[in-house]
């Protein structure tokens, strides 16, 4: 007689869990996470009280998951949690779209305001392998004469027609010629460069309109939303919706000189002219920080497509360039990193510069896993549209309203009093099995 194969640990644990009295509550807790891959464990309790009478209407304690309550991790990065990053991406889409066509508290008249979609890239720090495609045809990477050599004796060109999966993409033709210090310093200061860009853009618009800066603030406001995207060479570039409003934001009237053409010209002129001096010139030589020559500015014609494009990059990090998604704590950790040579050199440069006093304010070792970039991946000006906090609050209120309806509370005024503490992360084998099934089913399971 053939001996039956043993069940995987998760299946065995799940069967045992199903036989316990608290199985339904445990199951609802896991399903409520909608497939989150790295849930947060909390211990504690909370009680819902009637404000008028002080009566306790509902109590909840951390007894459904081995004495703990599980909540979704809320991580924005797809490599950490695809489920929670999907929620973050959807929220970012709504935030961007509201600033283009209205909604979420933004008047629909905002769609008539001048706005452009701008892409600002990093400058070059040395030639790298690239896939060059025009009109559907792939061209040579960097055609040069075979006799052309760099100062280290390596070919100055590449005739290969790189496939999209070619591991050489983004790698320098000569690593010794590549300015790694300049690249890392640009990354670390790119947030400052963007801030300087927005300041100078306001001044540029004011000059073109024949106004002083004080007069500009009285009649107009610059609003924007942007995300950072990593290129294959490991450098970030910025995608941004930039909009002109009246002085009080999207609901106020625009001055007659505010046009798409003026905004387009101002964005281009500012991106080409803005400059910053990098710190540490006495160590690595002077570095003037600026945006790259590839500046793309265009009117927005498909608001949904632009919002989706920007939201897509809001959930990605340096791992899209081949880096790692966790911080590096020791120099020994550099040796075992599963990254390509170019990325390892950038991380190593962050570590080297981060140990020198002139670069201490940049915290380069802390952000070595991000290749030196230490800014937020998605930012917006105050009056662009709604906020992620407001969107999350709306979602919380909706779920609370469903709970009140289920409890039959009607219009009774209530307050929740509780205390919760962090107690860990992750799943037990049986919970991981259920979460995997939810993910494979698209996250739509009834509790």
Protein backbone atom coordinates (compact mmCIF):
# COMPACT_ATOMS: atom_id res chain seq x y z
CA UNK A 1 0.00 0.00 0.00
CA UNK A 2 1.38 3.42 -0.99
CA UNK A 3 2.14 5.66 1.96
CA UNK A 4 0.29 9.02 1.67
CA UNK A 5 2.46 12.09 1.16
CA UNK A 6 2.66 14.40 4.17
CA UNK A 7 0.75 17.67 3.91
CA UNK A 8 2.74 20.91 3.74
CA UNK A 9 3.11 22.61 7.17
CA UNK A 10 0.74 25.43 6.25
CA UNK A 11 -2.07 23.04 5.28
CA UNK A 12 -1.69 20.98 8.44
CA UNK A 13 -1.69 24.13 10.60
CA UNK A 14 -4.72 25.48 8.73
CA UNK A 15 -6.71 22.27 9.35
CA UNK A 16 -5.81 22.41 13.03
CA UNK A 17 -6.79 26.07 13.22
CA UNK A 18 -10.15 25.34 11.56
CA UNK A 19 -11.05 23.04 14.44
CA UNK A 20 -10.69 25.80 17.06
CA UNK A 21 -13.64 27.87 18.37
CA UNK A 22 -12.05 31.21 17.36
CA UNK A 23 -11.49 30.14 13.75
CA UNK A 24 -14.17 32.45 12.28
CA UNK A 25 -12.77 35.51 14.06
CA UNK A 26 -9.22 34.55 13.06
CA UNK A 27 -10.30 34.05 9.45
CA UNK A 28 -12.06 37.44 9.31
CA UNK A 29 -8.92 39.13 10.67
CA UNK A 30 -6.68 37.62 7.96
CA UNK A 31 -9.18 38.19 5.15
CA UNK A 32 -9.63 41.79 6.30
CA UNK A 33 -6.00 42.41 5.35
CA UNK A 34 -6.93 41.84 1.68
CA UNK A 35 -3.75 39.82 1.06
CA UNK A 36 -1.20 42.14 2.72
CA UNK A 37 2.11 40.26 2.63
CA UNK A 38 3.73 41.80 5.73
CA UNK A 39 1.03 42.59 8.33
CA UNK A 40 1.71 44.42 11.60
CA UNK A 41 0.88 42.67 14.88
CA UNK A 42 -0.74 44.70 17.67
CA UNK A 43 -1.66 43.78 21.24
CA UNK A 44 -4.20 45.66 23.32
CA UNK A 45 -7.90 46.43 23.30
CA UNK A 46 -10.49 49.08 22.37
CA UNK A 47 -14.07 49.81 23.39
CA UNK A 48 -16.81 51.74 21.59
CA UNK A 49 -18.84 53.97 23.97
CA UNK A 50 -22.08 55.89 23.57
CA UNK A 51 -21.15 59.55 24.19
CA UNK A 52 -24.50 60.45 25.71
CA UNK A 53 -24.89 57.60 28.19
CA UNK A 54 -21.34 56.28 28.60
CA UNK A 55 -22.60 52.79 27.77
CA UNK A 56 -20.04 50.36 26.34
CA UNK A 57 -21.46 49.22 23.00
CA UNK A 58 -18.66 47.04 21.63
CA UNK A 59 -15.30 45.81 22.88
CA UNK A 60 -12.47 44.43 20.83
CA UNK A 61 -9.32 42.77 22.12
CA UNK A 62 -6.32 41.17 20.43
CA UNK A 63 -7.59 37.64 20.82
CA UNK A 64 -8.16 36.52 17.24
CA UNK A 65 -4.58 35.77 16.19
CA UNK A 66 -2.70 34.17 19.06
CA UNK A 67 -3.55 37.10 21.32
CA UNK A 68 -2.80 39.67 18.61
CA UNK A 69 -4.61 41.90 16.12
CA UNK A 70 -3.28 42.08 12.55
CA UNK A 71 -3.44 45.25 10.46
CA UNK A 72 -2.16 45.87 6.92
CA UNK A 73 1.42 47.17 6.72
CA UNK A 74 0.53 50.11 4.42
CA UNK A 75 3.92 49.97 2.65
CA UNK A 76 4.00 51.89 -0.64
CA UNK A 77 6.72 49.73 -2.28
CA UNK A 78 5.55 46.95 -4.56
CA UNK A 79 8.60 44.79 -3.76
CA UNK A 80 7.65 44.82 -0.05
CA UNK A 81 3.87 44.44 -0.30
CA UNK A 82 2.07 44.33 -3.67
CA UNK A 83 -1.34 44.62 -2.00
CA UNK A 84 -0.70 47.75 0.07
CA UNK A 85 1.31 49.36 -2.74
CA UNK A 86 -1.73 48.86 -4.97
CA UNK A 87 -3.83 50.89 -2.52
CA UNK A 88 -1.13 53.58 -2.40
CA UNK A 89 -0.99 53.68 -6.20
CA UNK A 90 -4.77 54.03 -6.44
CA UNK A 91 -4.74 56.86 -3.90
CA UNK A 92 -1.95 58.63 -5.79
CA UNK A 93 -3.92 58.26 -9.02
CA UNK A 94 -6.96 59.91 -7.42
CA UNK A 95 -4.81 62.69 -5.98
CA UNK A 96 -3.19 63.47 -9.34
CA UNK A 97 -6.42 63.18 -11.30
CA UNK A 98 -8.32 65.47 -8.93
CA UNK A 99 -5.78 68.20 -9.68
CA UNK A 100 -6.40 67.77 -13.41
CA UNK A 101 -10.17 67.44 -13.73
CA UNK A 102 -11.56 68.14 -10.26
CA UNK A 103 -13.19 65.99 -7.62
CA UNK A 104 -12.20 65.10 -4.04
CA UNK A 105 -12.98 68.66 -2.96
CA UNK A 106 -11.37 70.30 -6.03
CA UNK A 107 -13.75 72.23 -8.33
CA UNK A 108 -14.21 70.92 -11.86
CA UNK A 109 -13.21 74.32 -13.24
CA UNK A 110 -9.58 73.39 -12.51
CA UNK A 111 -9.58 71.53 -15.82
CA UNK A 112 -9.53 74.89 -17.62
CA UNK A 113 -6.35 76.03 -15.83
CA UNK A 114 -3.01 76.01 -17.66
CA UNK A 115 -0.97 72.93 -16.83
CA UNK A 116 1.84 70.91 -18.38
CA UNK A 117 3.40 67.49 -17.85
CA UNK A 118 7.16 67.88 -17.40
CA UNK A 119 9.97 65.32 -17.18
CA UNK A 120 13.28 66.52 -15.76
CA UNK A 121 16.19 64.10 -16.01
CA UNK A 122 19.59 63.79 -14.36
CA UNK A 123 22.65 64.92 -16.37
CA UNK A 124 25.18 62.46 -17.75
CA UNK A 125 28.11 61.36 -15.62
CA UNK A 126 29.70 59.20 -18.30
CA UNK A 127 28.56 57.16 -21.33
CA UNK A 128 26.44 54.09 -20.51
CA UNK A 129 24.96 51.29 -22.58
CA UNK A 130 21.46 52.24 -23.73
CA UNK A 131 18.71 50.88 -25.93
CA UNK A 132 18.09 53.42 -28.68
CA UNK A 133 14.84 53.02 -30.58
CA UNK A 134 13.31 55.30 -33.21
CA UNK A 135 10.19 54.66 -35.26
CA UNK A 136 10.03 51.08 -34.04
CA UNK A 137 13.61 50.25 -35.08
CA UNK A 138 16.44 49.52 -32.65
CA UNK A 139 19.68 51.35 -33.48
CA UNK A 140 23.25 50.90 -32.36
CA UNK A 141 23.94 51.78 -28.73
CA UNK A 142 26.74 54.31 -29.24
CA UNK A 143 28.30 54.05 -32.73
CA UNK A 144 31.94 55.13 -32.76
CA UNK A 145 35.04 54.28 -34.74
CA UNK A 146 36.86 51.21 -33.47
CA UNK A 147 39.94 53.39 -33.04
CA UNK A 148 38.18 55.68 -30.56
CA UNK A 149 39.27 54.80 -27.06
CA UNK A 150 38.81 56.41 -23.66
CA UNK A 151 41.84 57.48 -21.63
CA UNK A 152 41.87 54.05 -19.99
CA UNK A 153 42.13 52.26 -23.33
CA UNK A 154 38.55 50.92 -23.48
CA UNK A 155 36.30 51.36 -26.56
CA UNK A 156 34.53 54.73 -26.56
CA UNK A 157 31.56 53.30 -28.47
CA UNK A 158 29.22 50.31 -28.71
CA UNK A 159 27.55 49.08 -31.90
CA UNK A 160 25.26 46.54 -30.17
CA UNK A 161 21.51 46.76 -30.65
CA UNK A 162 20.57 46.01 -27.07
CA UNK A 163 17.51 43.94 -26.23
CA UNK A 164 15.25 45.22 -23.46
CA UNK A 165 16.57 42.47 -21.17
CA UNK A 166 20.27 43.03 -21.93
CA UNK A 167 22.10 43.11 -18.55
CA UNK A 168 24.56 45.66 -19.96
CA UNK A 169 21.89 48.37 -20.10
CA UNK A 170 22.77 51.19 -17.73
CA UNK A 171 26.35 49.96 -17.23
CA UNK A 172 29.12 52.50 -18.01
CA UNK A 173 31.27 51.85 -21.06
CA UNK A 174 34.24 52.60 -18.82
CA UNK A 175 33.66 52.45 -15.04
CA UNK A 176 36.91 54.36 -14.39
CA UNK A 177 35.74 57.28 -16.55
CA UNK A 178 32.30 57.40 -14.89
CA UNK A 179 31.90 60.19 -12.33
CA UNK A 180 30.45 58.17 -9.44
CA UNK A 181 31.06 60.90 -6.87
CA UNK A 182 29.20 63.41 -9.04
CA UNK A 183 26.34 60.97 -9.59
CA UNK A 184 25.89 60.27 -5.88
CA UNK A 185 26.07 63.96 -4.97
CA UNK A 186 23.46 64.78 -7.62
CA UNK A 187 21.16 62.11 -6.19
CA UNK A 188 21.61 63.34 -2.63
CA UNK A 189 20.89 66.95 -3.61
CA UNK A 190 18.21 66.38 -6.24
CA UNK A 191 15.48 67.31 -3.74
CA UNK A 192 17.21 70.66 -3.15
CA UNK A 193 17.55 71.09 -6.89
CA UNK A 194 13.81 70.52 -7.36
CA UNK A 195 13.04 73.04 -4.61
CA UNK A 196 15.30 75.60 -6.27
CA UNK A 197 13.55 74.84 -9.57
CA UNK A 198 10.11 75.62 -8.10
CA UNK A 199 11.38 78.86 -6.54
CA UNK A 200 13.02 80.01 -9.76
CA UNK A 201 10.00 78.94 -11.82
CA UNK A 202 7.78 81.35 -9.88
CA UNK A 203 10.30 84.11 -10.54
CA UNK A 204 10.50 83.19 -14.23
CA UNK A 205 6.71 83.28 -14.63
CA UNK A 206 6.54 86.63 -12.81
CA UNK A 207 9.19 88.13 -15.13
CA UNK A 208 7.39 86.91 -18.24
CA UNK A 209 4.14 88.39 -16.91
CA UNK A 210 5.86 91.71 -16.15
CA UNK A 211 5.32 91.36 -12.39
CA UNK A 212 7.45 91.47 -9.27
CA UNK A 213 7.51 88.39 -7.03
CA UNK A 214 5.23 90.11 -4.51
CA UNK A 215 2.76 91.06 -7.25
CA UNK A 216 2.81 87.49 -8.60
CA UNK A 217 1.80 86.08 -5.20
CA UNK A 218 -1.17 88.45 -5.10
CA UNK A 219 -2.65 87.27 -8.43
CA UNK A 220 -1.41 83.72 -9.06
CA UNK A 221 -0.14 80.52 -7.47
CA UNK A 222 2.03 77.69 -8.80
CA UNK A 223 0.79 74.18 -7.98
CA UNK A 224 2.39 70.84 -8.78
CA UNK A 225 2.49 67.12 -8.05
CA UNK A 226 5.59 65.05 -8.86
CA UNK A 227 7.09 61.59 -8.51
CA UNK A 228 10.67 60.35 -8.78
CA UNK A 229 11.56 57.44 -11.10
CA UNK A 230 14.80 55.49 -11.25
CA UNK A 231 16.42 55.05 -14.65
CA UNK A 232 18.35 51.93 -15.52
CA UNK A 233 21.64 53.78 -14.91
CA UNK A 234 20.52 54.28 -11.31
CA UNK A 235 19.74 58.00 -11.51
CA UNK A 236 16.36 59.47 -10.61
CA UNK A 237 14.36 61.77 -12.81
CA UNK A 238 11.18 63.64 -12.02
CA UNK A 239 7.73 63.50 -13.63
CA UNK A 240 5.50 66.39 -12.64
CA UNK A 241 2.15 67.98 -13.39
CA UNK A 242 2.69 71.74 -13.05
CA UNK A 243 -0.34 74.04 -12.96
CA UNK A 244 -1.08 77.75 -12.72
CA UNK A 245 -3.91 78.83 -10.39
CA UNK A 246 -5.39 82.02 -9.06
CA UNK A 247 -4.01 83.37 -5.75
CA UNK A 248 -6.17 81.13 -3.54
CA UNK A 249 -5.68 77.91 -5.46
CA UNK A 250 -7.80 75.97 -7.98
CA UNK A 251 -11.07 77.65 -7.01
CA UNK A 252 -9.88 81.22 -7.67
CA UNK A 253 -9.92 83.15 -10.94
CA UNK A 254 -6.85 83.21 -13.16
CA UNK A 255 -5.18 86.39 -14.42
CA UNK A 256 -5.48 86.89 -18.22
CA UNK A 257 -1.74 86.39 -18.85
CA UNK A 258 -1.79 82.83 -17.40
CA UNK A 259 -1.55 80.56 -20.46
CA UNK A 260 -0.18 77.11 -21.27
CA UNK A 261 2.34 78.70 -23.63
CA UNK A 262 3.75 80.97 -20.92
CA UNK A 263 3.93 78.07 -18.45
CA UNK A 264 5.62 75.82 -21.04
CA UNK A 265 8.28 78.41 -21.86
CA UNK A 266 8.90 79.17 -18.19
CA UNK A 267 9.34 75.51 -17.23
CA UNK A 268 11.84 74.93 -20.04
CA UNK A 269 13.83 78.09 -19.30
CA UNK A 270 13.99 77.37 -15.58
CA UNK A 271 14.97 73.71 -15.97
CA UNK A 272 17.81 74.72 -18.29
CA UNK A 273 19.15 77.46 -16.03
CA UNK A 274 18.76 76.35 -12.42
CA UNK A 275 22.05 75.45 -10.68
CA UNK A 276 23.35 74.37 -7.26
CA UNK A 277 26.87 73.89 -5.91
CA UNK A 278 27.49 70.49 -4.34
CA UNK A 279 29.17 70.29 -0.91
CA UNK A 280 32.63 68.79 -0.41
CA UNK A 281 34.43 70.47 -3.30
CA UNK A 282 37.67 70.36 -1.30
CA UNK A 283 37.42 66.54 -1.24
CA UNK A 284 36.08 65.49 -4.65
CA UNK A 285 36.46 68.72 -6.60
CA UNK A 286 33.77 71.26 -7.52
CA UNK A 287 30.46 69.91 -8.76
CA UNK A 288 27.73 72.12 -10.23
CA UNK A 289 24.36 70.38 -9.99
CA UNK A 290 21.78 70.88 -12.74
CA UNK A 291 19.13 68.98 -14.65
CA UNK A 292 20.02 67.01 -17.77
CA UNK A 293 19.66 68.25 -21.33
CA UNK A 294 16.70 65.91 -21.96
CA UNK A 295 13.86 68.11 -20.75
CA UNK A 296 10.39 67.16 -21.91
CA UNK A 297 7.45 69.54 -21.40
CA UNK A 298 4.07 69.02 -23.02
CA UNK A 299 0.43 70.05 -22.51
CA UNK A 300 -1.74 67.44 -20.82
CA UNK A 301 -4.24 65.93 -23.25
CA UNK A 302 -5.21 62.71 -21.46
CA UNK A 303 -5.59 63.39 -17.74
CA UNK A 304 -6.32 59.77 -16.80
CA UNK A 305 -3.24 58.49 -18.63
CA UNK A 306 -0.99 61.08 -16.96
CA UNK A 307 -2.39 60.30 -13.51
CA UNK A 308 -1.91 56.57 -14.08
CA UNK A 309 1.62 57.08 -15.39
CA UNK A 310 2.67 59.12 -12.36
CA UNK A 311 0.92 56.83 -9.86
CA UNK A 312 2.72 53.80 -11.30
CA UNK A 313 6.11 55.15 -10.32
CA UNK A 314 5.00 56.22 -6.84
CA UNK A 315 5.21 52.58 -5.67
CA UNK A 316 8.70 51.85 -7.00
CA UNK A 317 12.12 52.43 -5.50
CA UNK A 318 15.78 51.91 -6.34
CA UNK A 319 15.19 48.18 -6.81
CA UNK A 320 13.89 49.01 -10.30
CA UNK A 321 17.47 50.02 -11.15
CA UNK A 322 18.82 46.79 -9.68
CA UNK A 323 19.47 48.00 -6.13
CA UNK A 324 18.13 46.55 -2.88
CA UNK A 325 14.98 47.47 -0.96
CA UNK A 326 16.45 47.53 2.56
CA UNK A 327 19.04 49.63 4.35
CA UNK A 328 22.69 48.56 4.56
CA UNK A 329 24.01 48.68 8.12
CA UNK A 330 27.67 47.62 7.86
CA UNK A 331 30.50 47.76 5.35
CA UNK A 332 30.61 43.95 5.41
CA UNK A 333 27.11 43.94 3.98
CA UNK A 334 28.38 45.48 0.74
CA UNK A 335 30.29 42.30 -0.14
CA UNK A 336 27.23 40.07 -0.30
CA UNK A 337 24.81 42.42 -2.07
CA UNK A 338 23.11 40.69 -5.04
CA UNK A 339 23.48 43.68 -7.37
CA UNK A 340 25.21 44.43 -10.67
CA UNK A 341 28.63 46.06 -10.79
CA UNK A 342 27.44 49.60 -11.56
CA UNK A 343 24.95 49.63 -8.70
CA UNK A 344 27.55 48.22 -6.32
CA UNK A 345 29.95 51.03 -7.27
CA UNK A 346 27.27 53.63 -6.57
CA UNK A 347 26.48 52.06 -3.20
CA UNK A 348 30.20 51.87 -2.42
CA UNK A 349 30.63 55.54 -3.33
CA UNK A 350 27.77 56.43 -0.97
CA UNK A 351 29.51 54.48 1.78
CA UNK A 352 32.90 56.10 1.10
CA UNK A 353 31.60 59.68 0.91
CA UNK A 354 29.25 59.08 3.84
CA UNK A 355 32.23 58.49 6.10
CA UNK A 356 33.81 61.89 5.33
CA UNK A 357 32.94 64.95 7.48
CA UNK A 358 31.98 67.32 4.61
CA UNK A 359 29.18 64.94 3.57
CA UNK A 360 27.80 64.12 7.04
CA UNK A 361 24.61 66.24 6.53
CA UNK A 362 23.72 64.14 3.47
CA UNK A 363 23.51 60.88 5.51
CA UNK A 364 24.80 58.97 2.48
CA UNK A 365 25.37 55.70 4.33
CA UNK A 366 21.79 55.75 5.57
CA UNK A 367 20.59 56.15 1.97
CA UNK A 368 23.18 53.97 0.24
CA UNK A 369 20.51 51.40 -0.66
CA UNK A 370 18.70 54.23 -2.52
CA UNK A 371 21.93 55.07 -4.39
CA UNK A 372 22.11 58.34 -2.48
CA UNK A 373 18.60 59.60 -3.19
CA UNK A 374 16.99 60.70 0.08
CA UNK A 375 13.86 62.52 -1.05
CA UNK A 376 10.22 61.49 -1.11
CA UNK A 377 9.01 59.56 -4.14
CA UNK A 378 5.81 61.55 -4.43
CA UNK A 379 5.30 65.16 -3.35
CA UNK A 380 2.86 67.95 -4.13
CA UNK A 381 2.33 71.60 -3.38
CA UNK A 382 -0.18 72.49 -0.68
CA UNK A 383 -3.06 73.55 -2.94
CA UNK A 384 -2.61 71.12 -5.84
CA UNK A 385 -5.52 68.89 -4.81
CA UNK A 386 -6.55 66.63 -1.92
CA UNK A 387 -4.07 64.75 0.28
CA UNK A 388 -3.31 61.09 0.86
CA UNK A 389 -4.31 61.61 4.50
CA UNK A 390 -7.74 62.90 3.43
CA UNK A 391 -8.25 59.94 1.11
CA UNK A 392 -7.33 57.49 3.87
CA UNK A 393 -9.61 59.30 6.32
CA UNK A 394 -12.50 58.99 3.86
CA UNK A 395 -11.84 55.27 3.52
CA UNK A 396 -11.72 54.87 7.31
CA UNK A 397 -15.00 56.76 7.72
CA UNK A 398 -16.64 54.57 5.08
CA UNK A 399 -15.61 51.39 6.88
CA UNK A 400 -16.72 52.84 10.20
CA UNK A 401 -20.11 53.69 8.70
CA UNK A 402 -20.51 50.10 7.47
CA UNK A 403 -19.67 48.86 10.96
CA UNK A 404 -22.20 51.22 12.55
CA UNK A 405 -24.88 50.02 10.15
CA UNK A 406 -24.03 46.40 10.93
CA UNK A 407 -24.33 47.13 14.68
CA UNK A 408 -27.58 49.05 14.25
CA UNK A 409 -26.19 52.19 15.92
CA UNK A 410 -27.98 54.62 13.63
CA UNK A 411 -27.14 58.26 14.42
CA UNK A 412 -25.91 57.65 17.97
CA UNK A 413 -22.79 59.68 18.78
CA UNK A 414 -19.95 57.34 19.77
CA UNK A 415 -16.28 57.46 20.74
CA UNK A 416 -13.65 54.71 20.68
CA UNK A 417 -11.20 54.36 23.57
CA UNK A 418 -8.31 51.94 23.23
CA UNK A 419 -4.63 51.20 23.62
CA UNK A 420 -2.54 49.19 21.15
CA UNK A 421 1.16 48.33 21.03
CA UNK A 422 3.41 46.99 18.27
CA UNK A 423 4.19 43.28 18.72
CA UNK A 424 5.80 42.09 15.47
CA UNK A 425 5.23 41.45 11.78
CA UNK A 426 4.46 38.63 9.38
CA UNK A 427 2.27 35.55 9.15
CA UNK A 428 2.09 32.13 10.70
CA UNK A 429 2.21 29.27 8.11
CA UNK A 430 -1.57 28.82 8.08
CA UNK A 431 -2.24 32.56 7.76
CA UNK A 432 0.31 32.83 4.95
CA UNK A 433 -1.59 30.08 3.12
CA UNK A 434 -4.86 32.00 3.41
CA UNK A 435 -3.22 35.30 2.41
CA UNK A 436 -1.72 33.65 -0.69
CA UNK A 437 -5.15 32.36 -1.69
CA UNK A 438 -6.58 35.88 -1.29
CA UNK A 439 -3.82 37.36 -3.48
CA UNK A 440 -4.32 34.75 -6.18
CA UNK A 441 -8.04 35.49 -6.11
CA UNK A 442 -7.48 39.22 -6.59
CA UNK A 443 -8.05 40.17 -2.95
CA UNK A 444 -11.86 39.93 -3.20
CA UNK A 445 -13.00 37.56 -0.47
CA UNK A 446 -16.00 38.04 1.73
CA UNK A 447 -15.38 38.04 5.44
